[in-house]
Amino acid sequence: MLKEGVLGDSEAIFTVHVDDGISTATGTIATISGPLLATVSMFLVKIEGQGGHALHATVEPIVAASFTILALQQLISRETDPIQSQVLSVTHLRNGTALKIGNKTHLCSFFGFNGMEMSKCNAYIDMKEEESRLNPAVTNDESLHLLVKRVSGFMHGPENVRLANKFMAYDDFAFYQEMVPGVELSIGI
């Protein structure tokens, strides 16, 4: 849509999300200046073993995947400044469908591991660079945030305008914000 010129000559853009009441009460507007949502990238790891009926004779990728997941949980805490907000999640693990037969394993949302030879498995990492570029962070424009805050206060009362909470999610709205200044705000439902 951006390539087709959907924004035209827009000077500012806004998007509104509903909030189910966790952080924004019904009838409340929440907004914040600066970063609101995270930058997100995705990747896929495939760990391959050798399946079979005699499990003692197989190369079990689930064991390698289990060690990998445990190691990944330490990656952020050991490699990142604790003041920086970062999350690394293993969001999907799949290993065949047979209960008695060892299968190949596919592990998603994973960053690297050098202990595969210990498990006799092979690992392949796809950073998904061609399919999904790095999603930028939603970063609200300061002057537009102040405008939203002022107009919302006028329409709903200043007591119903709150500071939005930052959280680790992403929104395609950030791509629009790369072209035109904008604000993402929430309305409590």
Protein backbone atom coordinates (compact mmCIF):
# COMPACT_ATOMS: atom_id res chain seq x y z
CA MET A 1 0.00 0.00 0.00
CA LEU A 2 2.85 2.37 0.75
CA LYS A 3 4.37 1.78 -2.70
CA GLU A 4 1.00 2.59 -4.25
CA GLY A 5 0.98 5.97 -2.51
CA VAL A 6 -1.80 5.36 0.00
CA LEU A 7 -0.55 8.20 2.20
CA GLY A 8 -0.70 10.76 -0.61
CA ASP A 9 0.23 14.18 0.74
CA SER A 10 -0.61 13.30 4.35
CA GLU A 11 1.17 15.39 6.95
CA ALA A 12 0.19 13.26 9.94
CA ILE A 13 -1.32 9.82 10.57
CA PHE A 14 -3.12 8.27 13.52
CA THR A 15 -4.18 4.77 14.43
CA VAL A 16 -6.46 3.73 17.25
CA HIS A 17 -6.42 0.38 19.03
CA VAL A 18 -9.00 -0.83 21.49
CA ASP A 19 -7.74 -1.89 24.89
CA ASP A 20 -9.64 -4.62 26.73
CA GLY A 21 -9.30 -2.92 30.10
CA ILE A 22 -6.01 -4.42 31.23
CA SER A 23 -4.32 -1.02 31.26
CA THR A 24 -7.00 1.36 29.97
CA ALA A 25 -10.42 1.66 31.60
CA THR A 26 -13.55 2.00 29.46
CA GLY A 27 -13.78 5.48 27.96
CA THR A 28 -10.12 6.25 28.63
CA ILE A 29 -7.58 7.34 26.02
CA ALA A 30 -3.96 6.18 26.44
CA THR A 31 -1.09 7.73 24.52
CA ILE A 32 2.65 8.21 24.91
CA SER A 33 5.39 10.12 23.14
CA GLY A 34 8.34 8.21 21.71
CA PRO A 35 8.64 4.41 21.51
CA LEU A 36 5.42 2.50 22.19
CA LEU A 37 5.91 -0.92 20.57
CA ALA A 38 9.00 -3.01 19.88
CA THR A 39 11.13 -3.77 16.87
CA VAL A 40 10.56 -7.38 15.90
CA SER A 41 12.40 -9.89 13.73
CA MET A 42 11.58 -13.53 13.17
CA PHE A 43 13.61 -16.56 12.31
CA LEU A 44 13.26 -20.29 11.90
CA VAL A 45 15.55 -23.10 13.01
CA LYS A 46 15.30 -26.64 11.83
CA ILE A 47 16.99 -29.32 13.94
CA GLU A 48 17.23 -32.67 12.21
CA GLY A 49 17.84 -36.01 13.79
CA GLN A 50 17.26 -39.58 12.67
CA GLY A 51 13.89 -41.13 13.47
CA GLY A 52 13.07 -44.78 14.00
CA HIS A 53 11.21 -47.34 16.14
CA ALA A 54 14.17 -48.27 18.35
CA LEU A 55 14.63 -45.00 20.21
CA HIS A 56 18.04 -46.03 21.56
CA ALA A 57 19.24 -46.17 17.94
CA THR A 58 17.77 -42.81 16.88
CA VAL A 59 19.28 -39.34 16.95
CA GLU A 60 16.64 -37.55 19.01
CA PRO A 61 16.18 -33.91 17.96
CA ILE A 62 13.74 -33.19 20.81
CA VAL A 63 16.58 -33.52 23.32
CA ALA A 64 18.72 -31.10 21.30
CA ALA A 65 15.77 -28.73 20.97
CA SER A 66 15.17 -28.87 24.74
CA PHE A 67 18.77 -27.92 25.50
CA THR A 68 18.57 -25.20 22.87
CA ILE A 69 15.44 -23.67 24.39
CA LEU A 70 17.04 -23.63 27.86
CA ALA A 71 20.20 -22.01 26.47
CA LEU A 72 18.18 -19.38 24.62
CA GLN A 73 16.44 -18.27 27.79
CA GLN A 74 19.84 -17.13 29.08
CA LEU A 75 20.94 -15.39 25.90
CA ILE A 76 19.28 -12.03 26.55
CA SER A 77 20.22 -11.91 30.24
CA ARG A 78 23.88 -12.69 29.50
CA GLU A 79 24.41 -10.79 26.25
CA THR A 80 22.34 -7.61 26.65
CA ASP A 81 22.59 -4.52 28.83
CA PRO A 82 19.88 -5.01 31.49
CA ILE A 83 18.65 -1.45 30.90
CA GLN A 84 17.75 -2.36 27.31
CA SER A 85 14.35 -4.00 26.81
CA GLN A 86 14.68 -7.20 24.81
CA VAL A 87 12.83 -10.49 24.63
CA LEU A 88 13.72 -13.71 22.86
CA SER A 89 10.92 -16.24 22.65
CA VAL A 90 10.59 -19.77 21.40
CA THR A 91 7.03 -19.62 20.14
CA HIS A 92 6.59 -22.92 18.35
CA LEU A 93 8.05 -26.42 18.55
CA ARG A 94 6.94 -29.18 16.24
CA ASN A 95 8.07 -32.79 16.10
CA GLY A 96 6.15 -35.23 13.94
CA THR A 97 2.89 -36.90 14.93
CA ALA A 98 3.77 -40.49 15.79
CA LEU A 99 3.93 -41.27 19.52
CA LYS A 100 6.33 -44.21 19.28
CA ILE A 101 8.64 -43.06 16.51
CA GLY A 102 11.34 -40.39 16.80
CA ASN A 103 10.93 -37.68 14.13
CA LYS A 104 12.60 -34.60 12.77
CA THR A 105 12.04 -31.45 14.82
CA HIS A 106 11.35 -27.92 13.66
CA LEU A 107 12.00 -25.14 16.15
CA CYS A 108 10.89 -21.57 15.44
CA SER A 109 11.91 -18.19 16.86
CA PHE A 110 15.39 -19.29 17.79
CA PHE A 111 18.84 -17.68 17.55
CA GLY A 112 21.85 -20.02 17.35
CA PHE A 113 23.37 -22.87 19.28
CA ASN A 114 26.77 -24.49 18.95
CA GLY A 115 26.15 -27.77 20.80
CA MET A 116 24.49 -29.69 17.97
CA GLU A 117 27.40 -32.08 17.47
CA MET A 118 26.94 -33.28 21.03
CA SER A 119 23.46 -34.50 20.10
CA LYS A 120 24.49 -35.69 16.60
CA CYS A 121 21.79 -33.46 15.11
CA ASN A 122 22.09 -30.95 12.31
CA ALA A 123 20.73 -27.41 12.71
CA TYR A 124 19.73 -24.98 9.97
CA ILE A 125 18.93 -21.34 10.68
CA ASP A 126 16.82 -19.12 8.42
CA MET A 127 16.68 -15.48 9.54
CA LYS A 128 13.68 -14.87 7.23
CA GLU A 129 15.32 -11.71 5.85
CA GLU A 130 13.72 -12.01 2.41
CA GLU A 131 10.21 -12.84 3.65
CA SER A 132 9.88 -10.44 6.56
CA ARG A 133 12.16 -7.48 6.97
CA LEU A 134 12.84 -6.17 10.43
CA ASN A 135 9.66 -4.54 11.71
CA PRO A 136 10.52 -1.08 13.02
CA ALA A 137 9.31 0.11 16.41
CA VAL A 138 6.13 2.18 16.64
CA THR A 139 7.49 5.55 17.79
CA ASN A 140 4.94 8.28 18.43
CA ASP A 141 5.71 11.82 17.30
CA GLU A 142 6.03 14.24 20.26
CA SER A 143 3.95 17.12 18.84
CA LEU A 144 1.21 14.80 17.56
CA HIS A 145 1.13 13.02 20.93
CA LEU A 146 0.56 16.41 22.63
CA LEU A 147 -2.22 17.15 20.11
CA VAL A 148 -3.92 13.80 20.85
CA LYS A 149 -3.58 14.42 24.56
CA ARG A 150 -5.07 17.93 24.32
CA VAL A 151 -7.98 16.97 22.04
CA SER A 152 -8.74 13.81 24.05
CA GLY A 153 -8.75 15.84 27.26
CA PHE A 154 -11.14 18.35 25.72
CA MET A 155 -13.49 15.63 24.43
CA HIS A 156 -13.36 13.11 27.29
CA GLY A 157 -12.03 15.13 30.23
CA PRO A 158 -8.38 15.28 31.31
CA GLU A 159 -9.03 12.64 33.98
CA ASN A 160 -9.71 10.15 31.14
CA VAL A 161 -6.38 10.65 29.36
CA ARG A 162 -3.58 8.39 30.57
CA LEU A 163 0.01 7.62 29.75
CA ALA A 164 0.14 4.46 27.62
CA ASN A 165 2.29 1.52 28.69
CA LYS A 166 5.07 0.40 26.36
CA PHE A 167 4.98 -3.28 25.49
CA MET A 168 6.77 -5.94 23.50
CA ALA A 169 4.58 -6.27 20.44
CA TYR A 170 4.74 -4.79 16.98
CA ASP A 171 2.39 -3.14 14.52
CA ASP A 172 2.67 -2.49 10.80
CA PHE A 173 1.73 1.12 11.57
CA ALA A 174 5.47 1.66 12.15
CA PHE A 175 6.08 1.32 8.40
CA TYR A 176 3.69 4.23 7.81
CA GLN A 177 5.48 6.24 10.50
CA GLU A 178 8.68 5.88 8.50
CA MET A 179 6.98 7.99 5.80
CA VAL A 180 4.80 10.38 7.83
CA PRO A 181 4.83 11.41 11.52
CA GLY A 182 2.13 9.62 13.46
CA VAL A 183 0.65 8.47 16.76
CA GLU A 184 -0.80 5.16 17.85
CA LEU A 185 -3.23 5.50 20.74
CA SER A 186 -5.56 3.20 22.68
CA ILE A 187 -9.18 3.56 23.70
CA GLY A 188 -10.42 1.54 26.64
CA ILE A 189 -13.45 -0.67 26.05
